[in-house]
PDB file of N, CA and C in Angstrom:
ATOM      1  N   MET A   1     168.010 107.938 -44.659  1.00  0.00           N
ATOM      2  CA  MET A   1     168.540 108.275 -43.370  1.00  0.00           C
ATOM      3  C   MET A   1     168.208 109.734 -43.084  1.00  0.00           C
ATOM      4  N   GLY A   2     167.870 110.036 -41.851  1.00  0.00           N
ATOM      5  CA  GLY A   2     167.505 111.388 -41.482  1.00  0.00           C
ATOM      6  C   GLY A   2     167.413 111.502 -39.968  1.00  0.00           C
ATOM      7  N   VAL A   3     166.778 112.565 -39.521  1.00  0.00           N
ATOM      8  CA  VAL A   3     166.661 112.825 -38.089  1.00  0.00           C
ATOM      9  C   VAL A   3     165.267 113.377 -37.794  1.00  0.00           C
ATOM     10  N   TYR A   4     164.703 112.981 -36.651  1.00  0.00           N
ATOM     11  CA  TYR A   4     163.437 113.517 -36.192  1.00  0.00           C
ATOM     12  C   TYR A   4     163.725 114.745 -35.338  1.00  0.00           C
ATOM     13  N   VAL A   5     163.020 115.831 -35.605  1.00  0.00           N
ATOM     14  CA  VAL A   5     163.229 117.085 -34.877  1.00  0.00           C
ATOM     15  C   VAL A   5     161.902 117.514 -34.260  1.00  0.00           C
ATOM     16  N   HIS A   6     161.941 117.850 -32.986  1.00  0.00           N
ATOM     17  CA  HIS A   6     160.742 118.373 -32.323  1.00  0.00           C
ATOM     18  C   HIS A   6     161.133 119.611 -31.532  1.00  0.00           C
ATOM     19  N   GLY A   7     160.155 120.389 -31.116  1.00  0.00           N
ATOM     20  CA  GLY A   7     160.426 121.597 -30.349  1.00  0.00           C
ATOM     21  C   GLY A   7     160.591 122.838 -31.199  1.00  0.00           C
ATOM     22  N   LEU A   8     160.138 122.797 -32.454  1.00  0.00           N
ATOM     23  CA  LEU A   8     160.190 123.991 -33.310  1.00  0.00           C
ATOM     24  C   LEU A   8     158.866 124.732 -33.197  1.00  0.00           C
ATOM     25  N   TYR A   9     158.944 126.048 -33.049  1.00  0.00           N
ATOM     26  CA  TYR A   9     157.756 126.881 -32.931  1.00  0.00           C
ATOM     27  C   TYR A   9     157.538 127.648 -34.230  1.00  0.00           C
ATOM     28  N   LEU A  10     156.326 127.576 -34.738  1.00  0.00           N
ATOM     29  CA  LEU A  10     155.962 128.244 -35.972  1.00  0.00           C
ATOM     30  C   LEU A  10     155.443 129.639 -35.623  1.00  0.00           C
ATOM     31  N   GLU A  11     156.059 130.661 -36.192  1.00  0.00           N
ATOM     32  CA  GLU A  11     155.643 132.039 -35.942  1.00  0.00           C
ATOM     33  C   GLU A  11     155.086 132.649 -37.222  1.00  0.00           C
ATOM     34  N   GLY A  12     153.897 133.229 -37.127  1.00  0.00           N
ATOM     35  CA  GLY A  12     153.290 133.907 -38.263  1.00  0.00           C
ATOM     36  C   GLY A  12     152.304 133.057 -39.031  1.00  0.00           C
ATOM     37  N   ALA A  13     152.161 131.801 -38.663  1.00  0.00           N
ATOM     38  CA  ALA A  13     151.226 130.889 -39.327  1.00  0.00           C
ATOM     39  C   ALA A  13     150.853 129.797 -38.332  1.00  0.00           C
ATOM     40  N   SER A  14     150.006 128.890 -38.782  1.00  0.00           N
ATOM     41  CA  SER A  14     149.618 127.764 -37.954  1.00  0.00           C
ATOM     42  C   SER A  14     149.751 126.494 -38.779  1.00  0.00           C
ATOM     43  N   TRP A  15     149.512 125.356 -38.155  1.00  0.00           N
ATOM     44  CA  TRP A  15     149.669 124.069 -38.804  1.00  0.00           C
ATOM     45  C   TRP A  15     148.369 123.292 -38.749  1.00  0.00           C
ATOM     46  N   SER A  16     147.946 122.758 -39.873  1.00  0.00           N
ATOM     47  CA  SER A  16     146.765 121.910 -39.936  1.00  0.00           C
ATOM     48  C   SER A  16     147.218 120.460 -39.806  1.00  0.00           C
ATOM     49  N   LYS A  17     146.882 119.824 -38.687  1.00  0.00           N
ATOM     50  CA  LYS A  17     147.264 118.423 -38.488  1.00  0.00           C
ATOM     51  C   LYS A  17     146.509 117.522 -39.463  1.00  0.00           C
ATOM     52  N   LYS A  18     145.259 117.873 -39.737  1.00  0.00           N
ATOM     53  CA  LYS A  18     144.427 117.048 -40.612  1.00  0.00           C
ATOM     54  C   LYS A  18     144.951 117.011 -42.041  1.00  0.00           C
ATOM     55  N   GLU A  19     145.264 118.187 -42.619  1.00  0.00           N
ATOM     56  CA  GLU A  19     145.752 118.263 -43.997  1.00  0.00           C
ATOM     57  C   GLU A  19     147.271 118.262 -44.099  1.00  0.00           C
ATOM     58  N   ALA A  20     147.975 118.421 -42.978  1.00  0.00           N
ATOM     59  CA  ALA A  20     149.436 118.433 -42.924  1.00  0.00           C
ATOM     60  C   ALA A  20     150.053 119.504 -43.817  1.00  0.00           C
ATOM     61  N   HIS A  21     149.614 120.764 -43.627  1.00  0.00           N
ATOM     62  CA  HIS A  21     150.208 121.885 -44.343  1.00  0.00           C
ATOM     63  C   HIS A  21     150.002 123.176 -43.561  1.00  0.00           C
ATOM     64  N   LEU A  22     150.702 124.227 -43.988  1.00  0.00           N
ATOM     65  CA  LEU A  22     150.584 125.536 -43.350  1.00  0.00           C
ATOM     66  C   LEU A  22     149.191 126.121 -43.587  1.00  0.00           C
ATOM     67  N   ILE A  23     148.676 126.804 -42.563  1.00  0.00           N
ATOM     68  CA  ILE A  23     147.425 127.542 -42.685  1.00  0.00           C
ATOM     69  C   ILE A  23     147.590 128.892 -41.995  1.00  0.00           C
ATOM     70  N   GLU A  24     146.631 129.766 -42.204  1.00  0.00           N
ATOM     71  CA  GLU A  24     146.658 131.073 -41.541  1.00  0.00           C
ATOM     72  C   GLU A  24     146.549 130.886 -40.029  1.00  0.00           C
ATOM     73  N   ALA A  25     147.259 131.710 -39.279  1.00  0.00           N
ATOM     74  CA  ALA A  25     147.188 131.669 -37.824  1.00  0.00           C
ATOM     75  C   ALA A  25     145.840 132.199 -37.361  1.00  0.00           C
ATOM     76  N   ALA A  26     145.343 131.622 -36.281  1.00  0.00           N
ATOM     77  CA  ALA A  26     144.104 132.110 -35.693  1.00  0.00           C
ATOM     78  C   ALA A  26     144.330 133.514 -35.140  1.00  0.00           C
ATOM     79  N   ARG A  27     143.280 134.279 -35.065  1.00  0.00           N
ATOM     80  CA  ARG A  27     143.379 135.652 -34.560  1.00  0.00           C
ATOM     81  C   ARG A  27     143.953 135.638 -33.139  1.00  0.00           C
ATOM     82  N   GLY A  28     145.017 136.408 -32.932  1.00  0.00           N
ATOM     83  CA  GLY A  28     145.660 136.515 -31.635  1.00  0.00           C
ATOM     84  C   GLY A  28     146.678 135.410 -31.342  1.00  0.00           C
ATOM     85  N   GLU A  29     146.840 134.486 -32.250  1.00  0.00           N
ATOM     86  CA  GLU A  29     147.795 133.393 -32.050  1.00  0.00           C
ATOM     87  C   GLU A  29     149.153 133.808 -32.616  1.00  0.00           C
ATOM     88  N   LEU A  30     150.153 133.940 -31.754  1.00  0.00           N
ATOM     89  CA  LEU A  30     151.468 134.391 -32.192  1.00  0.00           C
ATOM     90  C   LEU A  30     152.378 133.240 -32.610  1.00  0.00           C
ATOM     91  N   ILE A  31     152.416 132.199 -31.787  1.00  0.00           N
ATOM     92  CA  ILE A  31     153.276 131.055 -32.110  1.00  0.00           C
ATOM     93  C   ILE A  31     152.493 129.768 -31.936  1.00  0.00           C
ATOM     94  N   LYS A  32     152.935 128.744 -32.652  1.00  0.00           N
ATOM     95  CA  LYS A  32     152.288 127.433 -32.598  1.00  0.00           C
ATOM     96  C   LYS A  32     153.386 126.375 -32.622  1.00  0.00           C
ATOM     97  N   LEU A  33     153.294 125.401 -31.728  1.00  0.00           N
ATOM     98  CA  LEU A  33     154.272 124.315 -31.709  1.00  0.00           C
ATOM     99  C   LEU A  33     154.043 123.426 -32.923  1.00  0.00           C
ATOM    100  N   LEU A  34     155.096 123.211 -33.692  1.00  0.00           N
ATOM    101  CA  LEU A  34     155.015 122.373 -34.879  1.00  0.00           C
ATOM    102  C   LEU A  34     155.183 120.915 -34.458  1.00  0.00           C
ATOM    103  N   PRO A  35     154.438 119.982 -35.068  1.00  0.00           N
ATOM    104  CA  PRO A  35     154.653 118.576 -34.722  1.00  0.00           C
ATOM    105  C   PRO A  35     156.053 118.108 -35.124  1.00  0.00           C
ATOM    106  N   CYS A  36     156.418 116.941 -34.675  1.00  0.00           N
ATOM    107  CA  CYS A  36     157.723 116.360 -34.981  1.00  0.00           C
ATOM    108  C   CYS A  36     157.935 116.282 -36.494  1.00  0.00           C
ATOM    109  N   MET A  37     159.135 116.685 -36.959  1.00  0.00           N
ATOM    110  CA  MET A  37     159.469 116.659 -38.379  1.00  0.00           C
ATOM    111  C   MET A  37     160.575 115.640 -38.620  1.00  0.00           C
ATOM    112  N   PHE A  38     160.530 114.982 -39.770  1.00  0.00           N
ATOM    113  CA  PHE A  38     161.604 114.091 -40.198  1.00  0.00           C
ATOM    114  C   PHE A  38     162.394 114.839 -41.259  1.00  0.00           C
ATOM    115  N   ILE A  39     163.673 115.098 -40.998  1.00  0.00           N
ATOM    116  CA  ILE A  39     164.504 115.913 -41.887  1.00  0.00           C
ATOM    117  C   ILE A  39     165.628 115.066 -42.467  1.00  0.00           C
ATOM    118  N   THR A  40     165.772 115.157 -43.792  1.00  0.00           N
ATOM    119  CA  THR A  40     166.859 114.473 -44.483  1.00  0.00           C
ATOM    120  C   THR A  40     167.581 115.481 -45.368  1.00  0.00           C
ATOM    121  N   GLY A  41     168.785 115.159 -45.733  1.00  0.00           N
ATOM    122  CA  GLY A  41     169.543 115.995 -46.646  1.00  0.00           C
ATOM    123  C   GLY A  41     169.527 115.392 -48.045  1.00  0.00           C
ATOM    124  N   VAL A  42     169.402 116.236 -49.057  1.00  0.00           N
ATOM    125  CA  VAL A  42     169.443 115.780 -50.445  1.00  0.00           C
ATOM    126  C   VAL A  42     170.337 116.718 -51.250  1.00  0.00           C
ATOM    127  N   LEU A  43     170.884 116.203 -52.329  1.00  0.00           N
ATOM    128  CA  LEU A  43     171.659 117.051 -53.228  1.00  0.00           C
ATOM    129  C   LEU A  43     170.715 117.959 -54.004  1.00  0.00           C
ATOM    130  N   GLN A  44     171.180 119.144 -54.340  1.00  0.00           N
ATOM    131  CA  GLN A  44     170.353 120.132 -55.036  1.00  0.00           C
ATOM    132  C   GLN A  44     169.775 119.570 -56.337  1.00  0.00           C
ATOM    133  N   GLN A  45     170.575 118.819 -57.107  1.00  0.00           N
ATOM    134  CA  GLN A  45     170.108 118.302 -58.389  1.00  0.00           C
ATOM    135  C   GLN A  45     169.108 117.155 -58.225  1.00  0.00           C
ATOM    136  N   GLN A  46     169.059 116.517 -57.052  1.00  0.00           N
ATOM    137  CA  GLN A  46     168.108 115.433 -56.799  1.00  0.00           C
ATOM    138  C   GLN A  46     166.817 115.932 -56.161  1.00  0.00           C
ATOM    139  N   LYS A  47     166.781 117.186 -55.812  1.00  0.00           N
ATOM    140  CA  LYS A  47     165.642 117.759 -55.121  1.00  0.00           C
ATOM    141  C   LYS A  47     164.437 117.878 -56.047  1.00  0.00           C
ATOM    142  N   LYS A  48     163.282 117.392 -55.587  1.00  0.00           N
ATOM    143  CA  LYS A  48     162.042 117.518 -56.350  1.00  0.00           C
ATOM    144  C   LYS A  48     161.381 118.831 -55.956  1.00  0.00           C
ATOM    145  N   ARG A  49     161.122 119.669 -56.937  1.00  0.00           N
ATOM    146  CA  ARG A  49     160.582 121.002 -56.673  1.00  0.00           C
ATOM    147  C   ARG A  49     159.053 120.968 -56.608  1.00  0.00           C
ATOM    148  N   ASP A  50     158.499 121.456 -55.522  1.00  0.00           N
ATOM    149  CA  ASP A  50     157.064 121.644 -55.372  1.00  0.00           C
ATOM    150  C   ASP A  50     156.814 123.146 -55.369  1.00  0.00           C
ATOM    151  N   PRO A  51     156.073 123.680 -56.359  1.00  0.00           N
ATOM    152  CA  PRO A  51     155.888 125.136 -56.442  1.00  0.00           C
ATOM    153  C   PRO A  51     155.148 125.735 -55.253  1.00  0.00           C
ATOM    154  N   LEU A  52     154.417 124.929 -54.497  1.00  0.00           N
ATOM    155  CA  LEU A  52     153.691 125.453 -53.341  1.00  0.00           C
ATOM    156  C   LEU A  52     154.410 125.210 -52.020  1.00  0.00           C
ATOM    157  N   ALA A  53     155.532 124.524 -52.038  1.00  0.00           N
ATOM    158  CA  ALA A  53     156.281 124.286 -50.798  1.00  0.00           C
ATOM    159  C   ALA A  53     157.013 125.565 -50.391  1.00  0.00           C
ATOM    160  N   TYR A  54     156.905 125.887 -49.115  1.00  0.00           N
ATOM    161  CA  TYR A  54     157.557 127.093 -48.579  1.00  0.00           C
ATOM    162  C   TYR A  54     158.852 126.691 -47.884  1.00  0.00           C
ATOM    163  N   GLU A  55     159.967 127.267 -48.317  1.00  0.00           N
ATOM    164  CA  GLU A  55     161.247 127.046 -47.644  1.00  0.00           C
ATOM    165  C   GLU A  55     161.290 127.952 -46.421  1.00  0.00           C
ATOM    166  N   CYS A  56     160.879 127.400 -45.303  1.00  0.00           N
ATOM    167  CA  CYS A  56     160.703 128.168 -44.073  1.00  0.00           C
ATOM    168  C   CYS A  56     162.025 128.267 -43.309  1.00  0.00           C
ATOM    169  N   PRO A  57     162.508 129.476 -43.062  1.00  0.00           N
ATOM    170  CA  PRO A  57     163.771 129.607 -42.319  1.00  0.00           C
ATOM    171  C   PRO A  57     163.610 129.185 -40.855  1.00  0.00           C
ATOM    172  N   VAL A  58     164.626 128.521 -40.328  1.00  0.00           N
ATOM    173  CA  VAL A  58     164.655 128.118 -38.919  1.00  0.00           C
ATOM    174  C   VAL A  58     165.731 128.951 -38.239  1.00  0.00           C
ATOM    175  N   TYR A  59     165.345 129.596 -37.140  1.00  0.00           N
ATOM    176  CA  TYR A  59     166.269 130.429 -36.378  1.00  0.00           C
ATOM    177  C   TYR A  59     166.460 129.849 -34.989  1.00  0.00           C
ATOM    178  N   PHE A  60     167.680 129.891 -34.505  1.00  0.00           N
ATOM    179  CA  PHE A  60     168.037 129.446 -33.167  1.00  0.00           C
ATOM    180  C   PHE A  60     168.004 130.664 -32.256  1.00  0.00           C
ATOM    181  N   ARG A  61     167.257 130.567 -31.134  1.00  0.00           N
ATOM    182  CA  ARG A  61     167.155 131.674 -30.185  1.00  0.00           C
ATOM    183  C   ARG A  61     167.805 131.286 -28.874  1.00  0.00           C
ATOM    184  N   PHE A  62     168.536 132.201 -28.262  1.00  0.00           N
ATOM    185  CA  PHE A  62     169.215 131.916 -27.012  1.00  0.00           C
ATOM    186  C   PHE A  62     168.341 132.170 -25.789  1.00  0.00           C
ATOM    187  N   ASP A  63     167.469 133.162 -25.839  1.00  0.00           N
ATOM    188  CA  ASP A  63     166.646 133.530 -24.686  1.00  0.00           C
ATOM    189  C   ASP A  63     165.239 132.985 -24.862  1.00  0.00           C
ATOM    190  N   HIS A  64     164.894 131.909 -24.143  1.00  0.00           N
ATOM    191  CA  HIS A  64     163.587 131.278 -24.295  1.00  0.00           C
ATOM    192  C   HIS A  64     162.448 132.119 -23.729  1.00  0.00           C
ATOM    193  N   ARG A  65     162.755 133.121 -22.894  1.00  0.00           N
ATOM    194  CA  ARG A  65     161.700 133.954 -22.306  1.00  0.00           C
ATOM    195  C   ARG A  65     161.133 134.947 -23.309  1.00  0.00           C
ATOM    196  N   LYS A  66     161.901 135.235 -24.352  1.00  0.00           N
ATOM    197  CA  LYS A  66     161.450 136.196 -25.353  1.00  0.00           C
ATOM    198  C   LYS A  66     160.925 135.436 -26.566  1.00  0.00           C
ATOM    199  N   ARG A  67     159.648 135.148 -26.585  1.00  0.00           N
ATOM    200  CA  ARG A  67     159.027 134.464 -27.713  1.00  0.00           C
ATOM    201  C   ARG A  67     158.742 135.516 -28.785  1.00  0.00           C
ATOM    202  N   GLY A  68     159.175 135.288 -29.975  1.00  0.00           N
ATOM    203  CA  GLY A  68     159.008 136.243 -31.055  1.00  0.00           C
ATOM    204  C   GLY A  68     160.370 136.561 -31.640  1.00  0.00           C
ATOM    205  N   LEU A  69     160.370 137.117 -32.805  1.00  0.00           N
ATOM    206  CA  LEU A  69     161.612 137.329 -33.532  1.00  0.00           C
ATOM    207  C   LEU A  69     162.087 138.767 -33.337  1.00  0.00           C
ATOM    208  N   THR A  70     163.180 138.942 -32.583  1.00  0.00           N
ATOM    209  CA  THR A  70     163.769 140.265 -32.421  1.00  0.00           C
ATOM    210  C   THR A  70     165.058 140.315 -33.219  1.00  0.00           C
ATOM    211  N   ALA A  71     165.447 141.481 -33.631  1.00  0.00           N
ATOM    212  CA  ALA A  71     166.619 141.633 -34.492  1.00  0.00           C
ATOM    213  C   ALA A  71     167.927 141.289 -33.780  1.00  0.00           C
ATOM    214  N   ALA A  72     167.958 141.351 -32.457  1.00  0.00           N
ATOM    215  CA  ALA A  72     169.214 141.195 -31.732  1.00  0.00           C
ATOM    216  C   ALA A  72     169.713 139.756 -31.640  1.00  0.00           C
ATOM    217  N   GLN A  73     168.827 138.761 -31.578  1.00  0.00           N
ATOM    218  CA  GLN A  73     169.272 137.429 -31.219  1.00  0.00           C
ATOM    219  C   GLN A  73     169.185 136.312 -32.244  1.00  0.00           C
ATOM    220  N   PRO A  74     168.295 136.323 -33.200  1.00  0.00           N
ATOM    221  CA  PRO A  74     168.133 135.107 -33.989  1.00  0.00           C
ATOM    222  C   PRO A  74     169.349 134.753 -34.843  1.00  0.00           C
ATOM    223  N   ASN A  75     169.603 133.463 -34.956  1.00  0.00           N
ATOM    224  CA  ASN A  75     170.676 132.946 -35.804  1.00  0.00           C
ATOM    225  C   ASN A  75     170.069 131.947 -36.771  1.00  0.00           C
ATOM    226  N   TYR A  76     170.307 132.157 -38.058  1.00  0.00           N
ATOM    227  CA  TYR A  76     169.756 131.287 -39.094  1.00  0.00           C
ATOM    228  C   TYR A  76     170.423 129.925 -39.031  1.00  0.00           C
ATOM    229  N   MET A  77     169.604 128.851 -39.171  1.00  0.00           N
ATOM    230  CA  MET A  77     170.134 127.489 -39.153  1.00  0.00           C
ATOM    231  C   MET A  77     169.972 126.806 -40.512  1.00  0.00           C
ATOM    232  N   PHE A  78     168.750 126.636 -40.982  1.00  0.00           N
ATOM    233  CA  PHE A  78     168.482 125.971 -42.263  1.00  0.00           C
ATOM    234  C   PHE A  78     167.056 126.295 -42.683  1.00  0.00           C
ATOM    235  N   SER A  79     166.622 125.814 -43.850  1.00  0.00           N
ATOM    236  CA  SER A  79     165.276 126.079 -44.363  1.00  0.00           C
ATOM    237  C   SER A  79     164.634 124.802 -44.909  1.00  0.00           C
ATOM    238  N   PRO A  80     163.832 124.116 -44.098  1.00  0.00           N
ATOM    239  CA  PRO A  80     163.128 122.943 -44.616  1.00  0.00           C
ATOM    240  C   PRO A  80     161.943 123.363 -45.481  1.00  0.00           C
ATOM    241  N   GLU A  81     161.568 122.508 -46.422  1.00  0.00           N
ATOM    242  CA  GLU A  81     160.384 122.776 -47.241  1.00  0.00           C
ATOM    243  C   GLU A  81     159.159 122.290 -46.478  1.00  0.00           C
ATOM    244  N   ILE A  82     158.159 123.173 -46.368  1.00  0.00           N
ATOM    245  CA  ILE A  82     156.928 122.856 -45.661  1.00  0.00           C
ATOM    246  C   ILE A  82     155.768 122.966 -46.640  1.00  0.00           C
ATOM    247  N   LYS A  83     154.880 121.967 -46.628  1.00  0.00           N
ATOM    248  CA  LYS A  83     153.742 121.961 -47.546  1.00  0.00           C
ATOM    249  C   LYS A  83     152.804 123.126 -47.284  1.00  0.00           C
ATOM    250  N   SER A  84     152.189 123.601 -48.363  1.00  0.00           N
ATOM    251  CA  SER A  84     151.272 124.734 -48.277  1.00  0.00           C
ATOM    252  C   SER A  84     150.280 124.651 -49.427  1.00  0.00           C
ATOM    253  N   ILE A  85     149.154 125.337 -49.281  1.00  0.00           N
ATOM    254  CA  ILE A  85     148.207 125.462 -50.394  1.00  0.00           C
ATOM    255  C   ILE A  85     148.327 126.843 -51.027  1.00  0.00           C
ATOM    256  N   HIS A  86     149.140 127.698 -50.428  1.00  0.00           N
ATOM    257  CA  HIS A  86     149.410 129.042 -50.941  1.00  0.00           C
ATOM    258  C   HIS A  86     150.821 129.083 -51.526  1.00  0.00           C
ATOM    259  N   PRO A  87     151.089 130.004 -52.452  1.00  0.00           N
ATOM    260  CA  PRO A  87     152.462 130.134 -52.970  1.00  0.00           C
ATOM    261  C   PRO A  87     153.399 130.643 -51.872  1.00  0.00           C
ATOM    262  N   PRO A  88     154.696 130.385 -52.007  1.00  0.00           N
ATOM    263  CA  PRO A  88     155.659 130.813 -50.979  1.00  0.00           C
ATOM    264  C   PRO A  88     155.621 132.312 -50.675  1.00  0.00           C
ATOM    265  N   THR A  89     155.324 133.140 -51.665  1.00  0.00           N
ATOM    266  CA  THR A  89     155.281 134.595 -51.429  1.00  0.00           C
ATOM    267  C   THR A  89     154.244 134.965 -50.381  1.00  0.00           C
ATOM    268  N   HIS A  90     153.182 134.196 -50.274  1.00  0.00           N
ATOM    269  CA  HIS A  90     152.131 134.434 -49.271  1.00  0.00           C
ATOM    270  C   HIS A  90     152.731 134.388 -47.862  1.00  0.00           C
ATOM    271  N   TRP A  91     153.589 133.399 -47.608  1.00  0.00           N
ATOM    272  CA  TRP A  91     154.179 133.228 -46.288  1.00  0.00           C
ATOM    273  C   TRP A  91     155.371 134.151 -46.075  1.00  0.00           C
ATOM    274  N   ILE A  92     156.091 134.466 -47.151  1.00  0.00           N
ATOM    275  CA  ILE A  92     157.222 135.400 -47.047  1.00  0.00           C
ATOM    276  C   ILE A  92     156.719 136.769 -46.598  1.00  0.00           C
ATOM    277  N   LEU A  93     155.628 137.243 -47.195  1.00  0.00           N
ATOM    278  CA  LEU A  93     155.065 138.546 -46.825  1.00  0.00           C
ATOM    279  C   LEU A  93     154.551 138.569 -45.393  1.00  0.00           C
ATOM    280  N   ARG A  94     154.203 137.438 -44.838  1.00  0.00           N
ATOM    281  CA  ARG A  94     153.751 137.360 -43.449  1.00  0.00           C
ATOM    282  C   ARG A  94     154.904 137.139 -42.469  1.00  0.00           C
ATOM    283  N   GLY A  95     156.101 136.925 -42.999  1.00  0.00           N
ATOM    284  CA  GLY A  95     157.265 136.742 -42.123  1.00  0.00           C
ATOM    285  C   GLY A  95     157.261 135.439 -41.363  1.00  0.00           C
ATOM    286  N   VAL A  96     156.723 134.386 -41.973  1.00  0.00           N
ATOM    287  CA  VAL A  96     156.625 133.089 -41.304  1.00  0.00           C
ATOM    288  C   VAL A  96     158.014 132.479 -41.136  1.00  0.00           C
ATOM    289  N   ALA A  97     158.295 132.013 -39.923  1.00  0.00           N
ATOM    290  CA  ALA A  97     159.583 131.391 -39.613  1.00  0.00           C
ATOM    291  C   ALA A  97     159.383 130.334 -38.539  1.00  0.00           C
ATOM    292  N   LEU A  98     160.361 129.461 -38.405  1.00  0.00           N
ATOM    293  CA  LEU A  98     160.390 128.479 -37.329  1.00  0.00           C
ATOM    294  C   LEU A  98     161.464 128.913 -36.333  1.00  0.00           C
ATOM    295  N   LEU A  99     161.150 128.803 -35.051  1.00  0.00           N
ATOM    296  CA  LEU A  99     162.079 129.187 -33.996  1.00  0.00           C
ATOM    297  C   LEU A  99     162.426 127.979 -33.141  1.00  0.00           C
ATOM    298  N   CYS A 100     163.701 127.884 -32.797  1.00  0.00           N
ATOM    299  CA  CYS A 100     164.224 126.797 -31.986  1.00  0.00           C
ATOM    300  C   CYS A 100     164.847 127.406 -30.737  1.00  0.00           C
ATOM    301  N   TYR A 101     164.454 126.889 -29.580  1.00  0.00           N
ATOM    302  CA  TYR A 101     164.997 127.394 -28.313  1.00  0.00           C
ATOM    303  C   TYR A 101     165.802 126.289 -27.646  1.00  0.00           C
ATOM    304  N   PRO A 102     166.987 126.590 -27.100  1.00  0.00           N
ATOM    305  CA  PRO A 102     167.764 125.541 -26.425  1.00  0.00           C
ATOM    306  C   PRO A 102     167.049 125.098 -25.152  1.00  0.00           C
ATOM    307  N   GLY A 103     167.071 123.803 -24.908  1.00  0.00           N
ATOM    308  CA  GLY A 103     166.461 123.278 -23.691  1.00  0.00           C
ATOM    309  C   GLY A 103     164.992 123.016 -23.805  1.00  0.00           C
ATOM    310  N   ASP A 104     164.344 123.333 -24.923  1.00  0.00           N
ATOM    311  CA  ASP A 104     162.898 123.057 -25.079  1.00  0.00           C
ATOM    312  C   ASP A 104     162.686 121.668 -25.588  1.00  0.00           C
TER     313      ASP A 104
END
């Protein structure tokens, strides 16, 4: 059992539809719409650890006109694991996050 989520914007990276994992953002690309995700909850002890999966933070933003992460508004929601070919530190240093806007 789970839920399908759409309307999340990936900031600081891009998404490869073909390989279904995080990739470097194209030059000049600030945000990218992430495809629909299926999210389920699991207990910590039942969780299968993938060393290359990035626990990407999702932030809720109130002002949809301001695309990008400013210190004044974001609110942390949760961190889904997203597939990657790079270690998580690669994406942490780039500040990769998912943004959710109400009404999108």
